[in-house]
Amino acid sequence: YKNFFDTKAKIIINSDGIWTPNHELIKWESVWYFYLKEIRGRVIERKLFIKLTQDNKEIRLDITYLDKTEEEIFEALKNHSKKHNIHFFDKEVQKVH
């Protein structure tokens, strides 16, 4: 809950790419694919994974406590990345006991 009262932007999705405080601007040209992962334990966590085209790098963003749903985030990603050949994969669900 440490980010509950933090009102700073956590992710910005626009025609230039995806901006996050930790990764700055990730341009659409450098994105290969996206997928969501839901981790079900005591708390349900939602992560957005962004696979980059270079260096086999994967960026993981926690979207659990954002003020947008995962559907809204995925829709924004699809709308803003239309001009680029980016793949979108289904959500993966992992159950932790």
PDB file of N, CA and C in Angstrom:
ATOM      1  N   TYR A   1       0.798  -1.206   0.000  1.00  0.00           N
ATOM      2  CA  TYR A   1       0.000   0.000   0.000  1.00  0.00           C
ATOM      3  C   TYR A   1       0.836   1.263   0.000  1.00  0.00           C
ATOM      4  N   LYS A   2       2.122   1.122  -0.146  1.00  0.00           N
ATOM      5  CA  LYS A   2       3.002   2.289  -0.078  1.00  0.00           C
ATOM      6  C   LYS A   2       2.714   3.304  -1.174  1.00  0.00           C
ATOM      7  N   ASN A   3       2.155   2.876  -2.312  1.00  0.00           N
ATOM      8  CA  ASN A   3       1.878   3.795  -3.421  1.00  0.00           C
ATOM      9  C   ASN A   3       0.434   4.279  -3.429  1.00  0.00           C
ATOM     10  N   PHE A   4      -0.347   3.930  -2.416  1.00  0.00           N
ATOM     11  CA  PHE A   4      -1.763   4.245  -2.415  1.00  0.00           C
ATOM     12  C   PHE A   4      -2.025   5.748  -2.502  1.00  0.00           C
ATOM     13  N   PHE A   5      -1.277   6.538  -1.780  1.00  0.00           N
ATOM     14  CA  PHE A   5      -1.490   7.983  -1.772  1.00  0.00           C
ATOM     15  C   PHE A   5      -0.547   8.732  -2.712  1.00  0.00           C
ATOM     16  N   ASP A   6       0.283   8.014  -3.430  1.00  0.00           N
ATOM     17  CA  ASP A   6       1.217   8.611  -4.387  1.00  0.00           C
ATOM     18  C   ASP A   6       0.466   8.915  -5.679  1.00  0.00           C
ATOM     19  N   THR A   7       0.362  10.187  -6.042  1.00  0.00           N
ATOM     20  CA  THR A   7      -0.422  10.583  -7.220  1.00  0.00           C
ATOM     21  C   THR A   7       0.435  10.829  -8.463  1.00  0.00           C
ATOM     22  N   LYS A   8       1.730  10.583  -8.390  1.00  0.00           N
ATOM     23  CA  LYS A   8       2.593  10.766  -9.556  1.00  0.00           C
ATOM     24  C   LYS A   8       2.265   9.719 -10.617  1.00  0.00           C
ATOM     25  N   ALA A   9       2.489  10.073 -11.865  1.00  0.00           N
ATOM     26  CA  ALA A   9       2.225   9.145 -12.979  1.00  0.00           C
ATOM     27  C   ALA A   9       3.138   7.931 -12.867  1.00  0.00           C
ATOM     28  N   LYS A  10       2.555   6.755 -13.032  1.00  0.00           N
ATOM     29  CA  LYS A  10       3.311   5.497 -12.986  1.00  0.00           C
ATOM     30  C   LYS A  10       3.596   4.974 -14.389  1.00  0.00           C
ATOM     31  N   ILE A  11       2.688   5.283 -15.310  1.00  0.00           N
ATOM     32  CA  ILE A  11       2.849   4.853 -16.696  1.00  0.00           C
ATOM     33  C   ILE A  11       2.075   5.836 -17.579  1.00  0.00           C
ATOM     34  N   ILE A  12       2.704   6.237 -18.668  1.00  0.00           N
ATOM     35  CA  ILE A  12       2.058   7.101 -19.661  1.00  0.00           C
ATOM     36  C   ILE A  12       2.188   6.399 -20.999  1.00  0.00           C
ATOM     37  N   ILE A  13       1.054   6.205 -21.659  1.00  0.00           N
ATOM     38  CA  ILE A  13       1.028   5.544 -22.959  1.00  0.00           C
ATOM     39  C   ILE A  13       0.542   6.566 -23.972  1.00  0.00           C
ATOM     40  N   ASN A  14       1.384   6.860 -24.971  1.00  0.00           N
ATOM     41  CA  ASN A  14       0.978   7.808 -26.013  1.00  0.00           C
ATOM     42  C   ASN A  14       1.578   7.402 -27.358  1.00  0.00           C
ATOM     43  N   SER A  15       1.472   8.256 -28.348  1.00  0.00           N
ATOM     44  CA  SER A  15       1.928   7.912 -29.695  1.00  0.00           C
ATOM     45  C   SER A  15       3.446   7.759 -29.793  1.00  0.00           C
ATOM     46  N   ASP A  16       4.189   8.275 -28.830  1.00  0.00           N
ATOM     47  CA  ASP A  16       5.651   8.134 -28.829  1.00  0.00           C
ATOM     48  C   ASP A  16       6.104   6.794 -28.267  1.00  0.00           C
ATOM     49  N   GLY A  17       5.326   6.259 -27.325  1.00  0.00           N
ATOM     50  CA  GLY A  17       5.703   5.006 -26.688  1.00  0.00           C
ATOM     51  C   GLY A  17       5.125   4.922 -25.289  1.00  0.00           C
ATOM     52  N   ILE A  18       5.853   4.252 -24.411  1.00  0.00           N
ATOM     53  CA  ILE A  18       5.435   4.042 -23.033  1.00  0.00           C
ATOM     54  C   ILE A  18       6.468   4.691 -22.128  1.00  0.00           C
ATOM     55  N   TRP A  19       5.999   5.554 -21.232  1.00  0.00           N
ATOM     56  CA  TRP A  19       6.903   6.201 -20.289  1.00  0.00           C
ATOM     57  C   TRP A  19       6.622   5.668 -18.891  1.00  0.00           C
ATOM     58  N   THR A  20       7.698   5.353 -18.176  1.00  0.00           N
ATOM     59  CA  THR A  20       7.598   5.002 -16.758  1.00  0.00           C
ATOM     60  C   THR A  20       8.722   5.733 -16.020  1.00  0.00           C
ATOM     61  N   PRO A  21       8.560   5.986 -14.738  1.00  0.00           N
ATOM     62  CA  PRO A  21       9.617   6.682 -14.000  1.00  0.00           C
ATOM     63  C   PRO A  21      10.952   5.932 -14.006  1.00  0.00           C
ATOM     64  N   ASN A  22      10.912   4.607 -13.957  1.00  0.00           N
ATOM     65  CA  ASN A  22      12.150   3.823 -13.901  1.00  0.00           C
ATOM     66  C   ASN A  22      12.810   3.614 -15.253  1.00  0.00           C
ATOM     67  N   HIS A  23      12.008   3.558 -16.317  1.00  0.00           N
ATOM     68  CA  HIS A  23      12.553   3.208 -17.635  1.00  0.00           C
ATOM     69  C   HIS A  23      12.520   4.362 -18.618  1.00  0.00           C
ATOM     70  N   GLU A  24      11.994   5.515 -18.173  1.00  0.00           N
ATOM     71  CA  GLU A  24      11.852   6.675 -19.046  1.00  0.00           C
ATOM     72  C   GLU A  24      10.968   6.306 -20.243  1.00  0.00           C
ATOM     73  N   LEU A  25      11.307   6.763 -21.448  1.00  0.00           N
ATOM     74  CA  LEU A  25      10.474   6.501 -22.623  1.00  0.00           C
ATOM     75  C   LEU A  25      10.941   5.235 -23.336  1.00  0.00           C
ATOM     76  N   ILE A  26      10.016   4.307 -23.502  1.00  0.00           N
ATOM     77  CA  ILE A  26      10.262   3.101 -24.285  1.00  0.00           C
ATOM     78  C   ILE A  26       9.557   3.333 -25.618  1.00  0.00           C
ATOM     79  N   LYS A  27      10.313   3.557 -26.668  1.00  0.00           N
ATOM     80  CA  LYS A  27       9.714   3.870 -27.969  1.00  0.00           C
ATOM     81  C   LYS A  27       9.087   2.632 -28.585  1.00  0.00           C
ATOM     82  N   TRP A  28       8.009   2.859 -29.328  1.00  0.00           N
ATOM     83  CA  TRP A  28       7.300   1.737 -29.953  1.00  0.00           C
ATOM     84  C   TRP A  28       8.219   0.919 -30.844  1.00  0.00           C
ATOM     85  N   GLU A  29       9.176   1.550 -31.489  1.00  0.00           N
ATOM     86  CA  GLU A  29      10.084   0.850 -32.390  1.00  0.00           C
ATOM     87  C   GLU A  29      10.915  -0.215 -31.684  1.00  0.00           C
ATOM     88  N   SER A  30      11.080  -0.074 -30.383  1.00  0.00           N
ATOM     89  CA  SER A  30      11.916  -1.022 -29.645  1.00  0.00           C
ATOM     90  C   SER A  30      11.106  -2.132 -28.963  1.00  0.00           C
ATOM     91  N   VAL A  31       9.773  -2.129 -29.148  1.00  0.00           N
ATOM     92  CA  VAL A  31       8.913  -3.123 -28.492  1.00  0.00           C
ATOM     93  C   VAL A  31       8.619  -4.266 -29.451  1.00  0.00           C
ATOM     94  N   TRP A  32       8.805  -5.501 -28.980  1.00  0.00           N
ATOM     95  CA  TRP A  32       8.504  -6.696 -29.766  1.00  0.00           C
ATOM     96  C   TRP A  32       7.106  -7.212 -29.425  1.00  0.00           C
ATOM     97  N   TYR A  33       6.832  -7.414 -28.110  1.00  0.00           N
ATOM     98  CA  TYR A  33       5.503  -7.880 -27.717  1.00  0.00           C
ATOM     99  C   TYR A  33       5.186  -7.522 -26.275  1.00  0.00           C
ATOM    100  N   PHE A  34       3.898  -7.677 -25.930  1.00  0.00           N
ATOM    101  CA  PHE A  34       3.372  -7.446 -24.589  1.00  0.00           C
ATOM    102  C   PHE A  34       2.617  -8.675 -24.120  1.00  0.00           C
ATOM    103  N   TYR A  35       2.584  -8.859 -22.820  1.00  0.00           N
ATOM    104  CA  TYR A  35       1.632  -9.797 -22.237  1.00  0.00           C
ATOM    105  C   TYR A  35       1.389  -9.420 -20.781  1.00  0.00           C
ATOM    106  N   LEU A  36       0.246  -9.856 -20.284  1.00  0.00           N
ATOM    107  CA  LEU A  36      -0.124  -9.616 -18.889  1.00  0.00           C
ATOM    108  C   LEU A  36       0.030 -10.898 -18.104  1.00  0.00           C
ATOM    109  N   LYS A  37       0.412 -10.765 -16.851  1.00  0.00           N
ATOM    110  CA  LYS A  37       0.518 -11.918 -15.973  1.00  0.00           C
ATOM    111  C   LYS A  37      -0.204 -11.573 -14.683  1.00  0.00           C
ATOM    112  N   GLU A  38      -1.106 -12.457 -14.286  1.00  0.00           N
ATOM    113  CA  GLU A  38      -1.830 -12.287 -13.039  1.00  0.00           C
ATOM    114  C   GLU A  38      -1.318 -13.334 -12.062  1.00  0.00           C
ATOM    115  N   ILE A  39      -0.851 -12.881 -10.914  1.00  0.00           N
ATOM    116  CA  ILE A  39      -0.299 -13.774  -9.898  1.00  0.00           C
ATOM    117  C   ILE A  39      -1.289 -13.804  -8.737  1.00  0.00           C
ATOM    118  N   ARG A  40      -1.866 -14.981  -8.534  1.00  0.00           N
ATOM    119  CA  ARG A  40      -2.906 -15.125  -7.511  1.00  0.00           C
ATOM    120  C   ARG A  40      -2.338 -15.793  -6.268  1.00  0.00           C
ATOM    121  N   GLY A  41      -2.163 -15.001  -5.246  1.00  0.00           N
ATOM    122  CA  GLY A  41      -1.735 -15.487  -3.941  1.00  0.00           C
ATOM    123  C   GLY A  41      -2.690 -14.911  -2.922  1.00  0.00           C
ATOM    124  N   ARG A  42      -2.162 -14.450  -1.797  1.00  0.00           N
ATOM    125  CA  ARG A  42      -3.019 -13.760  -0.824  1.00  0.00           C
ATOM    126  C   ARG A  42      -3.609 -12.496  -1.438  1.00  0.00           C
ATOM    127  N   VAL A  43      -2.835 -11.858  -2.292  1.00  0.00           N
ATOM    128  CA  VAL A  43      -3.263 -10.673  -3.036  1.00  0.00           C
ATOM    129  C   VAL A  43      -3.109 -10.992  -4.518  1.00  0.00           C
ATOM    130  N   ILE A  44      -4.024 -10.513  -5.339  1.00  0.00           N
ATOM    131  CA  ILE A  44      -3.898 -10.710  -6.782  1.00  0.00           C
ATOM    132  C   ILE A  44      -3.052  -9.570  -7.333  1.00  0.00           C
ATOM    133  N   GLU A  45      -1.920  -9.929  -7.923  1.00  0.00           N
ATOM    134  CA  GLU A  45      -1.020  -8.944  -8.529  1.00  0.00           C
ATOM    135  C   GLU A  45      -1.157  -9.014 -10.039  1.00  0.00           C
ATOM    136  N   ARG A  46      -1.033  -7.865 -10.692  1.00  0.00           N
ATOM    137  CA  ARG A  46      -1.090  -7.810 -12.148  1.00  0.00           C
ATOM    138  C   ARG A  46       0.184  -7.149 -12.654  1.00  0.00           C
ATOM    139  N   LYS A  47       0.853  -7.840 -13.567  1.00  0.00           N
ATOM    140  CA  LYS A  47       2.110  -7.337 -14.137  1.00  0.00           C
ATOM    141  C   LYS A  47       1.965  -7.218 -15.645  1.00  0.00           C
ATOM    142  N   LEU A  48       2.528  -6.167 -16.197  1.00  0.00           N
ATOM    143  CA  LEU A  48       2.602  -5.986 -17.643  1.00  0.00           C
ATOM    144  C   LEU A  48       4.045  -6.252 -18.041  1.00  0.00           C
ATOM    145  N   PHE A  49       4.248  -7.190 -18.948  1.00  0.00           N
ATOM    146  CA  PHE A  49       5.584  -7.513 -19.437  1.00  0.00           C
ATOM    147  C   PHE A  49       5.748  -6.939 -20.834  1.00  0.00           C
ATOM    148  N   ILE A  50       6.859  -6.258 -21.050  1.00  0.00           N
ATOM    149  CA  ILE A  50       7.186  -5.657 -22.339  1.00  0.00           C
ATOM    150  C   ILE A  50       8.495  -6.267 -22.801  1.00  0.00           C
ATOM    151  N   LYS A  51       8.442  -7.021 -23.874  1.00  0.00           N
ATOM    152  CA  LYS A  51       9.643  -7.643 -24.430  1.00  0.00           C
ATOM    153  C   LYS A  51      10.198  -6.701 -25.494  1.00  0.00           C
ATOM    154  N   LEU A  52      11.464  -6.339 -25.351  1.00  0.00           N
ATOM    155  CA  LEU A  52      12.109  -5.429 -26.296  1.00  0.00           C
ATOM    156  C   LEU A  52      12.795  -6.205 -27.410  1.00  0.00           C
ATOM    157  N   THR A  53      12.970  -5.548 -28.540  1.00  0.00           N
ATOM    158  CA  THR A  53      13.570  -6.208 -29.702  1.00  0.00           C
ATOM    159  C   THR A  53      15.080  -6.368 -29.569  1.00  0.00           C
ATOM    160  N   GLN A  54      15.703  -5.543 -28.770  1.00  0.00           N
ATOM    161  CA  GLN A  54      17.163  -5.603 -28.636  1.00  0.00           C
ATOM    162  C   GLN A  54      17.565  -6.201 -27.291  1.00  0.00           C
ATOM    163  N   ASP A  55      18.665  -6.874 -27.279  1.00  0.00           N
ATOM    164  CA  ASP A  55      19.304  -7.397 -26.062  1.00  0.00           C
ATOM    165  C   ASP A  55      18.458  -8.406 -25.293  1.00  0.00           C
ATOM    166  N   ASN A  56      17.412  -8.937 -25.904  1.00  0.00           N
ATOM    167  CA  ASN A  56      16.569  -9.936 -25.247  1.00  0.00           C
ATOM    168  C   ASN A  56      16.080  -9.452 -23.876  1.00  0.00           C
ATOM    169  N   LYS A  57      15.819  -8.155 -23.771  1.00  0.00           N
ATOM    170  CA  LYS A  57      15.433  -7.534 -22.506  1.00  0.00           C
ATOM    171  C   LYS A  57      13.919  -7.556 -22.339  1.00  0.00           C
ATOM    172  N   GLU A  58      13.479  -7.813 -21.103  1.00  0.00           N
ATOM    173  CA  GLU A  58      12.060  -7.802 -20.775  1.00  0.00           C
ATOM    174  C   GLU A  58      11.849  -6.872 -19.591  1.00  0.00           C
ATOM    175  N   ILE A  59      10.890  -5.978 -19.728  1.00  0.00           N
ATOM    176  CA  ILE A  59      10.580  -5.016 -18.678  1.00  0.00           C
ATOM    177  C   ILE A  59       9.286  -5.453 -18.009  1.00  0.00           C
ATOM    178  N   ARG A  60       9.276  -5.450 -16.691  1.00  0.00           N
ATOM    179  CA  ARG A  60       8.090  -5.841 -15.931  1.00  0.00           C
ATOM    180  C   ARG A  60       7.568  -4.623 -15.182  1.00  0.00           C
ATOM    181  N   LEU A  61       6.290  -4.304 -15.419  1.00  0.00           N
ATOM    182  CA  LEU A  61       5.659  -3.174 -14.748  1.00  0.00           C
ATOM    183  C   LEU A  61       4.512  -3.678 -13.881  1.00  0.00           C
ATOM    184  N   ASP A  62       4.476  -3.249 -12.643  1.00  0.00           N
ATOM    185  CA  ASP A  62       3.390  -3.615 -11.743  1.00  0.00           C
ATOM    186  C   ASP A  62       2.219  -2.680 -12.003  1.00  0.00           C
ATOM    187  N   ILE A  63       1.103  -3.234 -12.469  1.00  0.00           N
ATOM    188  CA  ILE A  63      -0.076  -2.418 -12.750  1.00  0.00           C
ATOM    189  C   ILE A  63      -1.200  -2.713 -11.760  1.00  0.00           C
ATOM    190  N   THR A  64      -0.883  -3.374 -10.667  1.00  0.00           N
ATOM    191  CA  THR A  64      -1.888  -3.808  -9.698  1.00  0.00           C
ATOM    192  C   THR A  64      -2.686  -2.645  -9.121  1.00  0.00           C
ATOM    193  N   TYR A  65      -2.023  -1.590  -8.721  1.00  0.00           N
ATOM    194  CA  TYR A  65      -2.700  -0.517  -8.002  1.00  0.00           C
ATOM    195  C   TYR A  65      -2.879   0.753  -8.830  1.00  0.00           C
ATOM    196  N   LEU A  66      -2.837   0.640 -10.135  1.00  0.00           N
ATOM    197  CA  LEU A  66      -3.049   1.818 -10.981  1.00  0.00           C
ATOM    198  C   LEU A  66      -4.535   2.156 -11.023  1.00  0.00           C
ATOM    199  N   ASP A  67      -4.839   3.378 -11.440  1.00  0.00           N
ATOM    200  CA  ASP A  67      -6.238   3.801 -11.474  1.00  0.00           C
ATOM    201  C   ASP A  67      -6.945   3.415 -12.774  1.00  0.00           C
ATOM    202  N   LYS A  68      -6.316   2.603 -13.598  1.00  0.00           N
ATOM    203  CA  LYS A  68      -6.908   2.067 -14.824  1.00  0.00           C
ATOM    204  C   LYS A  68      -6.913   0.550 -14.736  1.00  0.00           C
ATOM    205  N   THR A  69      -7.900  -0.066 -15.365  1.00  0.00           N
ATOM    206  CA  THR A  69      -7.968  -1.522 -15.366  1.00  0.00           C
ATOM    207  C   THR A  69      -6.968  -2.080 -16.371  1.00  0.00           C
ATOM    208  N   GLU A  70      -6.691  -3.377 -16.274  1.00  0.00           N
ATOM    209  CA  GLU A  70      -5.778  -3.987 -17.240  1.00  0.00           C
ATOM    210  C   GLU A  70      -6.363  -3.912 -18.650  1.00  0.00           C
ATOM    211  N   GLU A  71      -7.690  -3.975 -18.782  1.00  0.00           N
ATOM    212  CA  GLU A  71      -8.330  -3.857 -20.093  1.00  0.00           C
ATOM    213  C   GLU A  71      -8.105  -2.465 -20.683  1.00  0.00           C
ATOM    214  N   GLU A  72      -8.230  -1.427 -19.858  1.00  0.00           N
ATOM    215  CA  GLU A  72      -8.014  -0.055 -20.322  1.00  0.00           C
ATOM    216  C   GLU A  72      -6.555   0.152 -20.734  1.00  0.00           C
ATOM    217  N   ILE A  73      -5.640  -0.408 -19.978  1.00  0.00           N
ATOM    218  CA  ILE A  73      -4.209  -0.284 -20.290  1.00  0.00           C
ATOM    219  C   ILE A  73      -3.900  -1.007 -21.594  1.00  0.00           C
ATOM    220  N   PHE A  74      -4.403  -2.229 -21.755  1.00  0.00           N
ATOM    221  CA  PHE A  74      -4.155  -2.994 -22.974  1.00  0.00           C
ATOM    222  C   PHE A  74      -4.772  -2.299 -24.191  1.00  0.00           C
ATOM    223  N   GLU A  75      -5.946  -1.730 -24.025  1.00  0.00           N
ATOM    224  CA  GLU A  75      -6.608  -1.009 -25.123  1.00  0.00           C
ATOM    225  C   GLU A  75      -5.775   0.213 -25.525  1.00  0.00           C
ATOM    226  N   ALA A  76      -5.240   0.942 -24.553  1.00  0.00           N
ATOM    227  CA  ALA A  76      -4.383   2.092 -24.850  1.00  0.00           C
ATOM    228  C   ALA A  76      -3.117   1.650 -25.571  1.00  0.00           C
ATOM    229  N   LEU A  77      -2.529   0.538 -25.137  1.00  0.00           N
ATOM    230  CA  LEU A  77      -1.341   0.009 -25.810  1.00  0.00           C
ATOM    231  C   LEU A  77      -1.653  -0.325 -27.264  1.00  0.00           C
ATOM    232  N   LYS A  78      -2.768  -1.000 -27.496  1.00  0.00           N
ATOM    233  CA  LYS A  78      -3.158  -1.379 -28.864  1.00  0.00           C
ATOM    234  C   LYS A  78      -3.431  -0.154 -29.726  1.00  0.00           C
ATOM    235  N   ASN A  79      -4.154   0.821 -29.190  1.00  0.00           N
ATOM    236  CA  ASN A  79      -4.507   2.015 -29.960  1.00  0.00           C
ATOM    237  C   ASN A  79      -3.294   2.844 -30.350  1.00  0.00           C
ATOM    238  N   HIS A  80      -2.368   3.031 -29.415  1.00  0.00           N
ATOM    239  CA  HIS A  80      -1.223   3.892 -29.684  1.00  0.00           C
ATOM    240  C   HIS A  80      -0.108   3.198 -30.469  1.00  0.00           C
ATOM    241  N   SER A  81      -0.123   1.882 -30.524  1.00  0.00           N
ATOM    242  CA  SER A  81       0.958   1.162 -31.221  1.00  0.00           C
ATOM    243  C   SER A  81       0.514   0.602 -32.564  1.00  0.00           C
ATOM    244  N   LYS A  82      -0.625   1.039 -33.071  1.00  0.00           N
ATOM    245  CA  LYS A  82      -1.189   0.493 -34.317  1.00  0.00           C
ATOM    246  C   LYS A  82      -0.218   0.532 -35.489  1.00  0.00           C
ATOM    247  N   LYS A  83       0.587   1.560 -35.600  1.00  0.00           N
ATOM    248  CA  LYS A  83       1.485   1.738 -36.745  1.00  0.00           C
ATOM    249  C   LYS A  83       2.708   0.829 -36.682  1.00  0.00           C
ATOM    250  N   HIS A  84       2.850   0.097 -35.601  1.00  0.00           N
ATOM    251  CA  HIS A  84       4.039  -0.736 -35.401  1.00  0.00           C
ATOM    252  C   HIS A  84       3.628  -2.202 -35.334  1.00  0.00           C
ATOM    253  N   ASN A  85       4.529  -3.061 -35.672  1.00  0.00           N
ATOM    254  CA  ASN A  85       4.252  -4.492 -35.704  1.00  0.00           C
ATOM    255  C   ASN A  85       4.526  -5.105 -34.331  1.00  0.00           C
ATOM    256  N   ILE A  86       3.622  -4.835 -33.385  1.00  0.00           N
ATOM    257  CA  ILE A  86       3.796  -5.302 -32.010  1.00  0.00           C
ATOM    258  C   ILE A  86       2.786  -6.397 -31.738  1.00  0.00           C
ATOM    259  N   HIS A  87       3.231  -7.469 -31.117  1.00  0.00           N
ATOM    260  CA  HIS A  87       2.367  -8.604 -30.815  1.00  0.00           C
ATOM    261  C   HIS A  87       1.802  -8.471 -29.403  1.00  0.00           C
ATOM    262  N   PHE A  88       0.567  -8.910 -29.247  1.00  0.00           N
ATOM    263  CA  PHE A  88      -0.108  -8.918 -27.957  1.00  0.00           C
ATOM    264  C   PHE A  88      -0.492 -10.350 -27.639  1.00  0.00           C
ATOM    265  N   PHE A  89      -0.051 -10.845 -26.501  1.00  0.00           N
ATOM    266  CA  PHE A  89      -0.349 -12.219 -26.111  1.00  0.00           C
ATOM    267  C   PHE A  89      -1.376 -12.230 -24.976  1.00  0.00           C
ATOM    268  N   ASP A  90      -2.030 -13.364 -24.830  1.00  0.00           N
ATOM    269  CA  ASP A  90      -3.059 -13.521 -23.809  1.00  0.00           C
ATOM    270  C   ASP A  90      -2.474 -13.404 -22.410  1.00  0.00           C
ATOM    271  N   LYS A  91      -3.374 -13.178 -21.472  1.00  0.00           N
ATOM    272  CA  LYS A  91      -2.982 -13.076 -20.069  1.00  0.00           C
ATOM    273  C   LYS A  91      -2.620 -14.456 -19.533  1.00  0.00           C
ATOM    274  N   GLU A  92      -1.556 -14.492 -18.771  1.00  0.00           N
ATOM    275  CA  GLU A  92      -1.107 -15.711 -18.103  1.00  0.00           C
ATOM    276  C   GLU A  92      -1.521 -15.606 -16.641  1.00  0.00           C
ATOM    277  N   VAL A  93      -2.090 -16.678 -16.100  1.00  0.00           N
ATOM    278  CA  VAL A  93      -2.506 -16.686 -14.701  1.00  0.00           C
ATOM    279  C   VAL A  93      -1.655 -17.691 -13.948  1.00  0.00           C
ATOM    280  N   GLN A  94      -1.035 -17.221 -12.875  1.00  0.00           N
ATOM    281  CA  GLN A  94      -0.190 -18.084 -12.041  1.00  0.00           C
ATOM    282  C   GLN A  94      -0.789 -18.125 -10.640  1.00  0.00           C
ATOM    283  N   LYS A  95      -1.006 -19.324 -10.124  1.00  0.00           N
ATOM    284  CA  LYS A  95      -1.549 -19.480  -8.772  1.00  0.00           C
ATOM    285  C   LYS A  95      -0.405 -19.838  -7.821  1.00  0.00           C
ATOM    286  N   VAL A  96      -0.294 -19.031  -6.774  1.00  0.00           N
ATOM    287  CA  VAL A  96       0.741 -19.253  -5.762  1.00  0.00           C
ATOM    288  C   VAL A  96       0.045 -19.753  -4.497  1.00  0.00           C
ATOM    289  N   HIS A  97       0.529 -20.843  -3.960  1.00  0.00           N
ATOM    290  CA  HIS A  97      -0.116 -21.427  -2.761  1.00  0.00           C
ATOM    291  C   HIS A  97       0.627 -21.041  -1.515  1.00  0.00           C
TER     292      HIS A  97
END
